[in-house]
């Protein structure tokens, strides 16, 4: 069981049996904090005792529909930083950072800018490049990324194949792993339900971030 309450532009999932750690979780460019994938992942982490703040980025708080503006990306990252600091004030343990697609990309950029902000990243369907434009890589900040990062990625994601992602991650200075979701597209649906993907993500992240013995 858990309590879900409105909190700072999003929803706070408070476990019945918290272990002291937290996760900031945010959405993709065309979505918001109510996305089914985010809800499933937040529920799964909360069931494991981890407090989750599922939040809207600044561009989505400013308007309910439409894609982000590149000029607002700095504000999106500032909002993520504020969310981390807010959750830090509430919890005795570590506060991790992550998101789906655009939200995950902004999380990696923030971590590259401020490597001490979060001890680890959970990246769902990192948007390596736009569909059908594999040369337009979104990896310029990867060499500065030292924060441990777990990538959960579908094998049918048009924003980057597993092989493309693996090659790009060679640029990252810090520890990183890929969890491949067979048959899943960019929304991590398909052959696996969001609940099943969420369970896989939690188990992998617990091991990756050393949250279990």
N, C-alpha and C. Protein backbone atom coordinates (compact mmCIF):
# COMPACT_ATOMS: atom_id res chain seq x y z
N UNK A 1 0.84 -1.19 0.00
CA UNK A 1 0.00 0.00 0.00
C UNK A 1 0.88 1.25 0.00
N UNK A 2 0.25 2.38 -0.38
CA UNK A 2 0.97 3.63 -0.44
C UNK A 2 -0.05 4.77 -0.36
N UNK A 3 0.46 5.96 -0.08
CA UNK A 3 -0.35 7.17 -0.16
C UNK A 3 0.13 7.98 -1.34
N UNK A 4 -0.80 8.48 -2.16
CA UNK A 4 -0.47 9.32 -3.30
C UNK A 4 -1.12 10.68 -3.08
N UNK A 5 -0.31 11.72 -2.97
CA UNK A 5 -0.83 13.04 -2.66
C UNK A 5 -0.26 14.08 -3.62
N UNK A 6 -1.03 15.11 -3.98
CA UNK A 6 -0.48 16.21 -4.80
C UNK A 6 0.68 16.87 -4.06
N UNK A 7 1.72 17.20 -4.83
CA UNK A 7 2.91 17.79 -4.20
C UNK A 7 3.74 18.49 -5.24
N UNK A 8 3.91 19.81 -5.13
CA UNK A 8 4.85 20.59 -5.91
C UNK A 8 4.82 20.29 -7.42
N UNK A 9 3.66 20.46 -8.03
CA UNK A 9 3.57 20.24 -9.47
C UNK A 9 3.55 18.79 -9.88
N UNK A 10 3.20 17.92 -8.95
CA UNK A 10 3.17 16.50 -9.27
C UNK A 10 2.46 15.70 -8.21
N UNK A 11 2.91 14.47 -8.05
CA UNK A 11 2.26 13.54 -7.12
C UNK A 11 3.33 12.81 -6.32
N UNK A 12 3.15 12.80 -5.00
CA UNK A 12 4.11 12.15 -4.12
C UNK A 12 3.57 10.79 -3.72
N UNK A 13 4.35 9.74 -4.05
CA UNK A 13 4.02 8.37 -3.66
C UNK A 13 4.80 8.05 -2.38
N UNK A 14 4.08 7.93 -1.28
CA UNK A 14 4.71 7.65 0.01
C UNK A 14 4.43 6.21 0.41
N UNK A 15 5.46 5.37 0.51
CA UNK A 15 5.25 3.95 0.86
C UNK A 15 4.77 3.79 2.29
N UNK A 16 4.06 2.70 2.53
CA UNK A 16 3.69 2.35 3.91
C UNK A 16 4.92 1.98 4.73
N UNK A 17 5.90 1.36 4.07
CA UNK A 17 7.11 0.95 4.77
C UNK A 17 8.33 1.55 4.05
N UNK A 18 8.56 2.85 4.22
CA UNK A 18 9.65 3.50 3.48
C UNK A 18 11.03 3.05 3.97
N UNK A 19 11.96 2.97 3.01
CA UNK A 19 13.34 2.61 3.36
C UNK A 19 14.25 3.83 3.40
N UNK A 20 13.68 5.01 3.18
CA UNK A 20 14.45 6.24 3.35
C UNK A 20 14.95 6.87 2.08
N UNK A 21 14.89 6.13 0.94
CA UNK A 21 15.39 6.65 -0.33
C UNK A 21 14.24 7.20 -1.18
N UNK A 22 14.60 8.02 -2.17
CA UNK A 22 13.59 8.63 -3.01
C UNK A 22 14.00 8.68 -4.47
N UNK A 23 13.02 8.94 -5.33
CA UNK A 23 13.23 9.04 -6.77
C UNK A 23 12.37 10.16 -7.33
N UNK A 24 12.99 11.06 -8.10
CA UNK A 24 12.26 12.04 -8.90
C UNK A 24 12.03 11.40 -10.27
N UNK A 25 10.79 11.42 -10.73
CA UNK A 25 10.45 10.75 -11.98
C UNK A 25 9.61 11.70 -12.83
N UNK A 26 10.07 11.94 -14.07
CA UNK A 26 9.34 12.87 -14.92
C UNK A 26 9.13 12.30 -16.33
N UNK A 27 8.45 13.04 -17.16
CA UNK A 27 7.80 12.53 -18.36
C UNK A 27 8.50 12.94 -19.65
N UNK A 28 7.96 12.44 -20.77
CA UNK A 28 8.48 12.76 -22.09
C UNK A 28 7.91 14.04 -22.65
N UNK A 29 8.35 14.39 -23.86
CA UNK A 29 8.02 15.67 -24.47
C UNK A 29 6.54 15.84 -24.76
N UNK A 30 5.84 14.76 -25.07
CA UNK A 30 4.44 14.86 -25.43
C UNK A 30 3.49 14.44 -24.32
N UNK A 31 3.99 14.30 -23.12
CA UNK A 31 3.20 13.71 -22.05
C UNK A 31 3.20 14.59 -20.81
N UNK A 32 2.85 13.97 -19.68
CA UNK A 32 2.86 14.67 -18.40
C UNK A 32 3.04 13.63 -17.29
N UNK A 33 2.95 14.09 -16.05
CA UNK A 33 3.22 13.22 -14.91
C UNK A 33 2.16 12.14 -14.72
N UNK A 34 1.04 12.25 -15.44
CA UNK A 34 -0.01 11.25 -15.33
C UNK A 34 0.14 10.10 -16.34
N UNK A 35 1.23 10.09 -17.08
CA UNK A 35 1.45 9.05 -18.09
C UNK A 35 1.39 7.66 -17.45
N UNK A 36 0.70 6.71 -18.08
CA UNK A 36 0.55 5.37 -17.50
C UNK A 36 1.89 4.71 -17.14
N UNK A 37 2.91 4.90 -17.98
CA UNK A 37 4.21 4.31 -17.66
C UNK A 37 4.77 4.88 -16.37
N UNK A 38 4.69 6.20 -16.21
CA UNK A 38 5.21 6.82 -15.00
C UNK A 38 4.44 6.37 -13.76
N UNK A 39 3.12 6.26 -13.89
CA UNK A 39 2.32 5.80 -12.76
C UNK A 39 2.73 4.39 -12.36
N UNK A 40 2.91 3.52 -13.35
CA UNK A 40 3.29 2.13 -13.07
C UNK A 40 4.66 2.06 -12.41
N UNK A 41 5.61 2.83 -12.92
CA UNK A 41 6.96 2.81 -12.35
C UNK A 41 6.95 3.38 -10.94
N UNK A 42 6.23 4.47 -10.73
CA UNK A 42 6.15 5.06 -9.40
C UNK A 42 5.51 4.09 -8.41
N UNK A 43 4.44 3.43 -8.83
CA UNK A 43 3.79 2.44 -7.95
C UNK A 43 4.75 1.32 -7.58
N UNK A 44 5.53 0.85 -8.56
CA UNK A 44 6.44 -0.27 -8.31
C UNK A 44 7.57 0.13 -7.36
N UNK A 45 8.12 1.32 -7.54
CA UNK A 45 9.17 1.79 -6.63
C UNK A 45 8.62 2.00 -5.23
N UNK A 46 7.41 2.57 -5.15
CA UNK A 46 6.80 2.78 -3.84
C UNK A 46 6.56 1.46 -3.13
N UNK A 47 6.14 0.43 -3.89
CA UNK A 47 5.94 -0.89 -3.29
C UNK A 47 7.24 -1.45 -2.73
N UNK A 48 8.36 -1.00 -3.29
CA UNK A 48 9.68 -1.44 -2.80
C UNK A 48 10.20 -0.55 -1.68
N UNK A 49 9.37 0.40 -1.21
CA UNK A 49 9.75 1.23 -0.09
C UNK A 49 10.41 2.55 -0.45
N UNK A 50 10.46 2.87 -1.74
CA UNK A 50 11.12 4.09 -2.20
C UNK A 50 10.08 5.17 -2.47
N UNK A 51 10.26 6.33 -1.87
CA UNK A 51 9.36 7.46 -2.06
C UNK A 51 9.59 8.04 -3.45
N UNK A 52 8.51 8.30 -4.19
CA UNK A 52 8.63 8.80 -5.56
C UNK A 52 7.86 10.11 -5.70
N UNK A 53 8.53 11.11 -6.27
CA UNK A 53 7.86 12.34 -6.70
C UNK A 53 7.73 12.29 -8.21
N UNK A 54 6.52 12.06 -8.68
CA UNK A 54 6.19 11.99 -10.10
C UNK A 54 5.73 13.38 -10.51
N UNK A 55 6.57 14.10 -11.28
CA UNK A 55 6.31 15.52 -11.45
C UNK A 55 6.30 15.98 -12.90
N UNK A 56 5.58 17.10 -13.13
CA UNK A 56 5.57 17.75 -14.42
C UNK A 56 6.78 18.66 -14.56
N UNK A 57 7.39 18.65 -15.75
CA UNK A 57 8.47 19.59 -16.04
C UNK A 57 7.91 21.00 -16.19
N UNK A 58 8.82 21.98 -16.17
CA UNK A 58 8.39 23.38 -16.22
C UNK A 58 7.57 23.68 -17.47
N UNK A 59 7.95 23.13 -18.62
CA UNK A 59 7.22 23.44 -19.84
C UNK A 59 5.79 22.92 -19.78
N UNK A 60 5.59 21.78 -19.11
CA UNK A 60 4.25 21.23 -19.00
C UNK A 60 3.43 21.97 -17.94
N UNK A 61 4.07 22.47 -16.90
CA UNK A 61 3.37 23.28 -15.92
C UNK A 61 2.92 24.61 -16.54
N UNK A 62 3.68 25.08 -17.54
CA UNK A 62 3.34 26.35 -18.19
C UNK A 62 2.17 26.21 -19.15
N UNK A 63 2.02 25.05 -19.78
CA UNK A 63 0.91 24.82 -20.71
C UNK A 63 0.61 23.34 -20.77
N UNK A 64 -0.68 23.00 -20.86
CA UNK A 64 -1.08 21.59 -20.72
C UNK A 64 -0.79 20.72 -21.94
N UNK A 65 -0.56 21.35 -23.11
CA UNK A 65 -0.34 20.57 -24.32
C UNK A 65 0.82 21.17 -25.12
N UNK A 66 1.35 20.37 -26.03
CA UNK A 66 2.41 20.84 -26.91
C UNK A 66 3.79 20.42 -26.44
N UNK A 67 4.75 20.43 -27.37
CA UNK A 67 6.11 19.99 -27.04
C UNK A 67 6.88 21.06 -26.28
N UNK A 68 8.01 20.69 -25.70
CA UNK A 68 8.85 21.68 -25.02
C UNK A 68 9.54 22.60 -26.01
N UNK A 69 9.83 23.80 -25.56
CA UNK A 69 10.63 24.73 -26.35
C UNK A 69 12.10 24.57 -25.95
N UNK A 70 13.02 24.49 -26.92
CA UNK A 70 14.43 24.39 -26.55
C UNK A 70 14.88 25.48 -25.57
N UNK A 71 14.31 26.68 -25.72
CA UNK A 71 14.71 27.78 -24.85
C UNK A 71 14.28 27.56 -23.40
N UNK A 72 13.31 26.65 -23.19
CA UNK A 72 12.84 26.39 -21.83
C UNK A 72 13.55 25.23 -21.16
N UNK A 73 14.47 24.58 -21.87
CA UNK A 73 15.13 23.42 -21.30
C UNK A 73 15.86 23.75 -20.00
N UNK A 74 16.44 24.94 -19.93
CA UNK A 74 17.13 25.35 -18.70
C UNK A 74 16.14 25.40 -17.54
N UNK A 75 14.93 25.89 -17.80
CA UNK A 75 13.90 25.93 -16.75
C UNK A 75 13.45 24.52 -16.37
N UNK A 76 13.37 23.63 -17.36
CA UNK A 76 13.02 22.23 -17.06
C UNK A 76 14.03 21.62 -16.11
N UNK A 77 15.31 21.86 -16.38
CA UNK A 77 16.35 21.30 -15.52
C UNK A 77 16.35 21.97 -14.14
N UNK A 78 16.06 23.25 -14.10
CA UNK A 78 15.98 23.95 -12.81
C UNK A 78 14.85 23.37 -11.96
N UNK A 79 13.73 23.04 -12.61
CA UNK A 79 12.63 22.42 -11.88
C UNK A 79 12.99 21.05 -11.35
N UNK A 80 13.74 20.27 -12.13
CA UNK A 80 14.20 18.96 -11.66
C UNK A 80 15.13 19.10 -10.46
N UNK A 81 16.03 20.06 -10.53
CA UNK A 81 16.94 20.28 -9.39
C UNK A 81 16.15 20.65 -8.14
N UNK A 82 15.17 21.52 -8.30
CA UNK A 82 14.35 21.92 -7.15
C UNK A 82 13.62 20.71 -6.58
N UNK A 83 13.12 19.85 -7.43
CA UNK A 83 12.42 18.65 -6.96
C UNK A 83 13.35 17.75 -6.15
N UNK A 84 14.58 17.57 -6.64
CA UNK A 84 15.56 16.76 -5.90
C UNK A 84 15.80 17.36 -4.52
N UNK A 85 16.00 18.66 -4.47
CA UNK A 85 16.30 19.31 -3.19
C UNK A 85 15.10 19.22 -2.23
N UNK A 86 13.88 19.36 -2.76
CA UNK A 86 12.69 19.24 -1.92
C UNK A 86 12.58 17.84 -1.31
N UNK A 87 12.82 16.82 -2.14
CA UNK A 87 12.70 15.46 -1.62
C UNK A 87 13.85 15.14 -0.66
N UNK A 88 15.00 15.69 -0.93
CA UNK A 88 16.13 15.51 0.00
C UNK A 88 15.79 16.01 1.40
N UNK A 89 15.07 17.13 1.46
CA UNK A 89 14.71 17.70 2.76
C UNK A 89 13.74 16.81 3.53
N UNK A 90 13.03 15.94 2.83
CA UNK A 90 12.02 15.09 3.46
C UNK A 90 12.53 13.71 3.83
N UNK A 91 13.64 13.30 3.22
CA UNK A 91 14.08 11.91 3.35
C UNK A 91 15.49 11.82 3.94
N UNK A 92 15.76 10.77 4.70
CA UNK A 92 17.10 10.61 5.27
C UNK A 92 18.11 9.96 4.33
N UNK A 93 17.61 9.30 3.26
CA UNK A 93 18.50 8.54 2.39
C UNK A 93 18.83 9.26 1.10
N UNK A 94 19.12 8.48 0.08
CA UNK A 94 19.52 9.01 -1.22
C UNK A 94 18.29 9.39 -2.05
N UNK A 95 18.46 10.41 -2.89
CA UNK A 95 17.39 10.81 -3.81
C UNK A 95 17.93 10.69 -5.23
N UNK A 96 17.34 9.79 -5.99
CA UNK A 96 17.76 9.52 -7.36
C UNK A 96 16.91 10.34 -8.34
N UNK A 97 17.37 10.37 -9.57
CA UNK A 97 16.73 11.22 -10.57
C UNK A 97 16.49 10.42 -11.85
N UNK A 98 15.33 10.61 -12.46
CA UNK A 98 15.09 9.88 -13.69
C UNK A 98 13.85 10.33 -14.42
N UNK A 99 13.65 9.74 -15.59
CA UNK A 99 12.48 10.10 -16.36
C UNK A 99 12.42 9.33 -17.66
N UNK A 100 11.31 9.55 -18.34
CA UNK A 100 11.06 8.91 -19.62
C UNK A 100 11.41 9.85 -20.76
N UNK A 101 12.17 9.38 -21.75
CA UNK A 101 12.46 10.10 -22.98
C UNK A 101 13.03 11.49 -22.69
N UNK A 102 12.32 12.55 -23.08
CA UNK A 102 12.81 13.92 -22.87
C UNK A 102 13.14 14.18 -21.39
N UNK A 103 12.31 13.67 -20.49
CA UNK A 103 12.58 13.85 -19.07
C UNK A 103 13.88 13.18 -18.65
N UNK A 104 14.16 12.01 -19.21
CA UNK A 104 15.42 11.35 -18.92
C UNK A 104 16.60 12.10 -19.52
N UNK A 105 16.41 12.62 -20.72
CA UNK A 105 17.48 13.40 -21.34
C UNK A 105 17.83 14.61 -20.50
N UNK A 106 16.82 15.35 -20.04
CA UNK A 106 17.08 16.51 -19.20
C UNK A 106 17.73 16.11 -17.89
N UNK A 107 17.38 14.94 -17.37
CA UNK A 107 18.02 14.44 -16.15
C UNK A 107 19.50 14.18 -16.36
N UNK A 108 19.87 13.60 -17.51
CA UNK A 108 21.28 13.36 -17.78
C UNK A 108 22.03 14.67 -17.97
N UNK A 109 21.41 15.64 -18.63
CA UNK A 109 22.06 16.93 -18.83
C UNK A 109 22.28 17.65 -17.50
N UNK A 110 21.27 17.57 -16.62
CA UNK A 110 21.42 18.17 -15.29
C UNK A 110 22.52 17.48 -14.50
N UNK A 111 22.57 16.16 -14.57
CA UNK A 111 23.61 15.42 -13.85
C UNK A 111 24.99 15.72 -14.40
N UNK A 112 25.10 15.94 -15.71
CA UNK A 112 26.39 16.31 -16.30
C UNK A 112 26.82 17.69 -15.82
N UNK A 113 25.85 18.59 -15.63
CA UNK A 113 26.15 19.93 -15.15
C UNK A 113 26.46 19.95 -13.66
N UNK A 114 25.75 19.09 -12.91
CA UNK A 114 25.89 19.06 -11.44
C UNK A 114 26.05 17.62 -10.97
N UNK A 115 27.25 17.08 -11.07
CA UNK A 115 27.47 15.65 -10.82
C UNK A 115 27.19 15.21 -9.39
N UNK A 116 27.14 16.15 -8.44
CA UNK A 116 26.89 15.77 -7.05
C UNK A 116 25.41 15.86 -6.67
N UNK A 117 24.54 16.20 -7.62
CA UNK A 117 23.14 16.41 -7.28
C UNK A 117 22.43 15.11 -6.93
N UNK A 118 22.65 14.07 -7.71
CA UNK A 118 21.97 12.79 -7.49
C UNK A 118 22.99 11.65 -7.59
N UNK A 119 22.81 10.59 -6.80
CA UNK A 119 23.77 9.48 -6.81
C UNK A 119 23.53 8.47 -7.92
N UNK A 120 22.43 8.62 -8.67
CA UNK A 120 22.14 7.67 -9.74
C UNK A 120 20.97 8.13 -10.59
N UNK A 121 20.91 7.61 -11.81
CA UNK A 121 19.89 7.99 -12.78
C UNK A 121 19.15 6.76 -13.28
N UNK A 122 17.82 6.91 -13.44
CA UNK A 122 16.98 5.89 -14.07
C UNK A 122 16.44 6.49 -15.36
N UNK A 123 16.83 5.94 -16.51
CA UNK A 123 16.51 6.53 -17.80
C UNK A 123 15.66 5.57 -18.62
N UNK A 124 14.40 5.92 -18.80
CA UNK A 124 13.44 5.09 -19.52
C UNK A 124 13.35 5.59 -20.96
N UNK A 125 13.75 4.75 -21.91
CA UNK A 125 13.69 5.10 -23.34
C UNK A 125 14.43 6.40 -23.64
N UNK A 126 15.72 6.40 -23.34
CA UNK A 126 16.50 7.61 -23.65
C UNK A 126 16.37 7.92 -25.15
N UNK A 127 16.02 9.16 -25.53
CA UNK A 127 15.82 9.50 -26.95
C UNK A 127 17.16 9.80 -27.63
N UNK A 128 17.84 8.75 -28.02
CA UNK A 128 19.20 8.89 -28.54
C UNK A 128 19.26 9.78 -29.78
N UNK A 129 18.27 9.64 -30.64
CA UNK A 129 18.18 10.48 -31.85
C UNK A 129 16.72 10.53 -32.29
N UNK A 130 16.32 11.51 -33.09
CA UNK A 130 14.95 11.49 -33.61
C UNK A 130 14.75 10.28 -34.52
N UNK A 131 13.52 9.79 -34.63
CA UNK A 131 13.26 8.64 -35.51
C UNK A 131 13.71 8.93 -36.95
N UNK A 132 14.39 7.93 -37.53
CA UNK A 132 14.89 7.99 -38.91
C UNK A 132 15.97 9.05 -39.12
N UNK A 133 16.55 9.55 -38.04
CA UNK A 133 17.66 10.53 -38.17
C UNK A 133 18.80 10.10 -37.24
N UNK A 134 19.42 8.96 -37.52
CA UNK A 134 20.40 8.40 -36.58
C UNK A 134 21.67 9.22 -36.43
N UNK A 135 21.92 10.16 -37.34
CA UNK A 135 23.14 10.96 -37.19
C UNK A 135 22.94 12.13 -36.24
N UNK A 136 21.69 12.45 -35.91
CA UNK A 136 21.41 13.59 -35.02
C UNK A 136 21.41 13.13 -33.56
N UNK A 137 22.58 12.76 -33.09
CA UNK A 137 22.70 12.17 -31.75
C UNK A 137 22.59 13.23 -30.66
N UNK A 138 21.93 12.83 -29.59
CA UNK A 138 21.78 13.72 -28.43
C UNK A 138 22.73 13.26 -27.33
N UNK A 139 24.01 13.31 -27.65
CA UNK A 139 25.03 12.75 -26.76
C UNK A 139 26.17 13.72 -26.45
N UNK A 140 26.03 15.00 -26.80
CA UNK A 140 27.14 15.93 -26.63
C UNK A 140 27.61 16.02 -25.17
N UNK A 141 26.68 15.81 -24.23
CA UNK A 141 27.02 15.92 -22.81
C UNK A 141 27.50 14.60 -22.20
N UNK A 142 27.43 13.52 -22.94
CA UNK A 142 27.77 12.21 -22.37
C UNK A 142 29.19 12.14 -21.79
N UNK A 143 30.21 12.73 -22.42
CA UNK A 143 31.55 12.63 -21.83
C UNK A 143 31.66 13.28 -20.45
N UNK A 144 30.73 14.17 -20.12
CA UNK A 144 30.75 14.84 -18.81
C UNK A 144 29.85 14.13 -17.79
N UNK A 145 29.20 13.06 -18.21
CA UNK A 145 28.26 12.37 -17.34
C UNK A 145 28.98 11.30 -16.52
N UNK A 146 29.17 11.58 -15.24
CA UNK A 146 29.85 10.63 -14.36
C UNK A 146 28.89 9.94 -13.39
N UNK A 147 27.66 10.41 -13.31
CA UNK A 147 26.66 9.81 -12.42
C UNK A 147 26.26 8.42 -12.93
N UNK A 148 26.25 7.41 -12.06
CA UNK A 148 25.82 6.08 -12.50
C UNK A 148 24.42 6.13 -13.12
N UNK A 149 24.26 5.48 -14.26
CA UNK A 149 23.02 5.60 -15.03
C UNK A 149 22.56 4.23 -15.51
N UNK A 150 21.29 3.92 -15.23
CA UNK A 150 20.67 2.68 -15.70
C UNK A 150 19.68 3.04 -16.81
N UNK A 151 19.88 2.48 -18.00
CA UNK A 151 19.03 2.73 -19.16
C UNK A 151 18.09 1.55 -19.37
N UNK A 152 16.79 1.80 -19.33
CA UNK A 152 15.78 0.79 -19.62
C UNK A 152 15.22 1.12 -21.00
N UNK A 153 15.40 0.19 -21.96
CA UNK A 153 15.19 0.55 -23.37
C UNK A 153 14.54 -0.59 -24.13
N UNK A 154 13.54 -0.27 -24.94
CA UNK A 154 12.86 -1.26 -25.75
C UNK A 154 13.67 -1.65 -26.98
N UNK A 155 13.54 -2.90 -27.38
CA UNK A 155 14.30 -3.38 -28.55
C UNK A 155 13.71 -2.88 -29.86
N UNK A 156 12.53 -2.25 -29.82
CA UNK A 156 11.91 -1.72 -31.03
C UNK A 156 11.71 -0.20 -30.93
N UNK A 157 12.59 0.45 -30.21
CA UNK A 157 12.48 1.90 -30.01
C UNK A 157 13.02 2.64 -31.24
N UNK A 158 12.20 3.44 -31.94
CA UNK A 158 12.68 4.15 -33.12
C UNK A 158 13.62 5.30 -32.80
N UNK A 159 13.72 5.66 -31.52
CA UNK A 159 14.62 6.73 -31.11
C UNK A 159 16.04 6.20 -30.84
N UNK A 160 16.28 4.94 -31.14
CA UNK A 160 17.60 4.37 -30.96
C UNK A 160 17.52 2.89 -30.69
N UNK A 161 18.28 2.10 -31.43
CA UNK A 161 18.31 0.66 -31.18
C UNK A 161 19.20 0.35 -29.98
N UNK A 162 19.13 -0.88 -29.50
CA UNK A 162 19.99 -1.29 -28.40
C UNK A 162 21.47 -1.18 -28.81
N UNK A 163 21.79 -1.58 -30.04
CA UNK A 163 23.17 -1.49 -30.50
C UNK A 163 23.63 -0.03 -30.59
N UNK A 164 22.76 0.84 -31.09
CA UNK A 164 23.11 2.26 -31.16
C UNK A 164 23.31 2.84 -29.77
N UNK A 165 22.44 2.46 -28.86
CA UNK A 165 22.57 2.97 -27.50
C UNK A 165 23.85 2.47 -26.85
N UNK A 166 24.14 1.20 -27.03
CA UNK A 166 25.36 0.63 -26.45
C UNK A 166 26.60 1.35 -26.97
N UNK A 167 26.63 1.65 -28.26
CA UNK A 167 27.77 2.36 -28.84
C UNK A 167 27.88 3.78 -28.27
N UNK A 168 26.74 4.45 -28.12
CA UNK A 168 26.75 5.82 -27.60
C UNK A 168 27.20 5.86 -26.14
N UNK A 169 26.82 4.85 -25.37
CA UNK A 169 27.16 4.86 -23.95
C UNK A 169 28.64 4.69 -23.70
N UNK A 170 29.39 4.30 -24.70
CA UNK A 170 30.84 4.24 -24.56
C UNK A 170 31.44 5.62 -24.29
N UNK A 171 30.68 6.67 -24.60
CA UNK A 171 31.13 8.03 -24.35
C UNK A 171 31.02 8.43 -22.89
N UNK A 172 30.19 7.70 -22.13
CA UNK A 172 29.91 8.09 -20.75
C UNK A 172 31.07 7.69 -19.84
N UNK A 173 31.45 8.63 -19.00
CA UNK A 173 32.58 8.39 -18.11
C UNK A 173 32.19 7.51 -16.92
N UNK A 174 30.95 7.64 -16.46
CA UNK A 174 30.54 6.94 -15.25
C UNK A 174 29.99 5.56 -15.49
N UNK A 175 29.68 4.82 -14.42
CA UNK A 175 29.10 3.48 -14.55
C UNK A 175 27.74 3.55 -15.24
N UNK A 176 27.44 2.54 -16.06
CA UNK A 176 26.16 2.52 -16.76
C UNK A 176 25.83 1.10 -17.16
N UNK A 177 24.53 0.83 -17.27
CA UNK A 177 24.04 -0.46 -17.71
C UNK A 177 22.80 -0.26 -18.57
N UNK A 178 22.50 -1.26 -19.40
CA UNK A 178 21.29 -1.26 -20.22
C UNK A 178 20.43 -2.45 -19.82
N UNK A 179 19.15 -2.20 -19.62
CA UNK A 179 18.16 -3.27 -19.46
C UNK A 179 17.29 -3.24 -20.70
N UNK A 180 17.36 -4.27 -21.52
CA UNK A 180 16.61 -4.33 -22.77
C UNK A 180 15.24 -4.95 -22.52
N UNK A 181 14.19 -4.27 -23.00
CA UNK A 181 12.82 -4.79 -22.89
C UNK A 181 12.42 -5.33 -24.26
N UNK A 182 12.36 -6.63 -24.38
CA UNK A 182 12.13 -7.28 -25.67
C UNK A 182 10.77 -6.89 -26.25
N UNK A 183 10.80 -6.44 -27.51
CA UNK A 183 9.58 -6.13 -28.24
C UNK A 183 8.95 -4.80 -27.92
N UNK A 184 9.52 -4.04 -27.00
CA UNK A 184 8.91 -2.78 -26.58
C UNK A 184 9.35 -1.63 -27.46
N UNK A 185 8.44 -0.69 -27.68
CA UNK A 185 8.74 0.54 -28.40
C UNK A 185 9.13 1.65 -27.44
N UNK A 186 8.98 2.88 -27.91
CA UNK A 186 9.44 4.02 -27.11
C UNK A 186 8.62 4.20 -25.83
N UNK A 187 7.36 3.79 -25.86
CA UNK A 187 6.54 3.93 -24.65
C UNK A 187 6.71 2.74 -23.70
N UNK A 188 7.61 1.82 -24.06
CA UNK A 188 7.89 0.62 -23.26
C UNK A 188 6.63 -0.23 -23.07
N UNK A 189 5.74 -0.16 -24.05
CA UNK A 189 4.60 -1.06 -24.08
C UNK A 189 4.89 -2.20 -25.06
N UNK A 190 3.85 -2.79 -25.61
CA UNK A 190 4.05 -3.88 -26.57
C UNK A 190 3.85 -5.22 -25.91
N UNK A 191 4.85 -6.08 -26.03
CA UNK A 191 4.73 -7.44 -25.49
C UNK A 191 4.65 -7.45 -23.96
N UNK A 192 5.25 -6.46 -23.33
CA UNK A 192 5.23 -6.38 -21.87
C UNK A 192 4.30 -5.26 -21.43
N UNK A 193 3.54 -5.50 -20.38
CA UNK A 193 2.71 -4.45 -19.82
C UNK A 193 3.58 -3.44 -19.08
N UNK A 194 3.05 -2.26 -18.86
CA UNK A 194 3.79 -1.25 -18.11
C UNK A 194 4.12 -1.75 -16.71
N UNK A 195 3.19 -2.50 -16.11
CA UNK A 195 3.45 -3.02 -14.76
C UNK A 195 4.62 -3.99 -14.76
N UNK A 196 4.72 -4.82 -15.79
CA UNK A 196 5.83 -5.77 -15.87
C UNK A 196 7.15 -5.04 -16.12
N UNK A 197 7.12 -4.05 -17.00
CA UNK A 197 8.33 -3.25 -17.24
C UNK A 197 8.75 -2.53 -15.97
N UNK A 198 7.77 -2.00 -15.24
CA UNK A 198 8.09 -1.30 -14.00
C UNK A 198 8.75 -2.24 -13.00
N UNK A 199 8.23 -3.46 -12.88
CA UNK A 199 8.84 -4.42 -11.98
C UNK A 199 10.26 -4.76 -12.37
N UNK A 200 10.50 -4.90 -13.67
CA UNK A 200 11.86 -5.15 -14.16
C UNK A 200 12.77 -3.99 -13.84
N UNK A 201 12.27 -2.77 -14.05
CA UNK A 201 13.07 -1.57 -13.80
C UNK A 201 13.45 -1.45 -12.32
N UNK A 202 12.50 -1.71 -11.45
CA UNK A 202 12.77 -1.62 -10.01
C UNK A 202 13.82 -2.63 -9.59
N UNK A 203 13.65 -3.88 -10.00
CA UNK A 203 14.60 -4.92 -9.61
C UNK A 203 16.01 -4.60 -10.11
N UNK A 204 16.09 -4.15 -11.37
CA UNK A 204 17.40 -3.81 -11.94
C UNK A 204 18.02 -2.61 -11.23
N UNK A 205 17.20 -1.61 -10.93
CA UNK A 205 17.74 -0.41 -10.28
C UNK A 205 18.16 -0.69 -8.85
N UNK A 206 17.44 -1.52 -8.15
CA UNK A 206 17.84 -1.87 -6.79
C UNK A 206 19.24 -2.50 -6.78
N UNK A 207 19.50 -3.38 -7.74
CA UNK A 207 20.82 -3.99 -7.84
C UNK A 207 21.86 -2.98 -8.30
N UNK A 208 21.51 -2.21 -9.31
CA UNK A 208 22.46 -1.25 -9.89
C UNK A 208 22.87 -0.19 -8.86
N UNK A 209 21.90 0.32 -8.12
CA UNK A 209 22.19 1.38 -7.14
C UNK A 209 22.55 0.83 -5.77
N UNK A 210 22.66 -0.50 -5.69
CA UNK A 210 23.05 -1.17 -4.45
C UNK A 210 22.09 -0.84 -3.29
N UNK A 211 20.80 -0.90 -3.60
CA UNK A 211 19.77 -0.66 -2.59
C UNK A 211 19.31 -1.94 -1.92
N UNK A 212 19.81 -3.08 -2.41
CA UNK A 212 19.51 -4.36 -1.77
C UNK A 212 20.83 -5.07 -1.52
N UNK A 213 20.88 -5.94 -0.49
CA UNK A 213 22.12 -6.66 -0.17
C UNK A 213 22.58 -7.54 -1.33
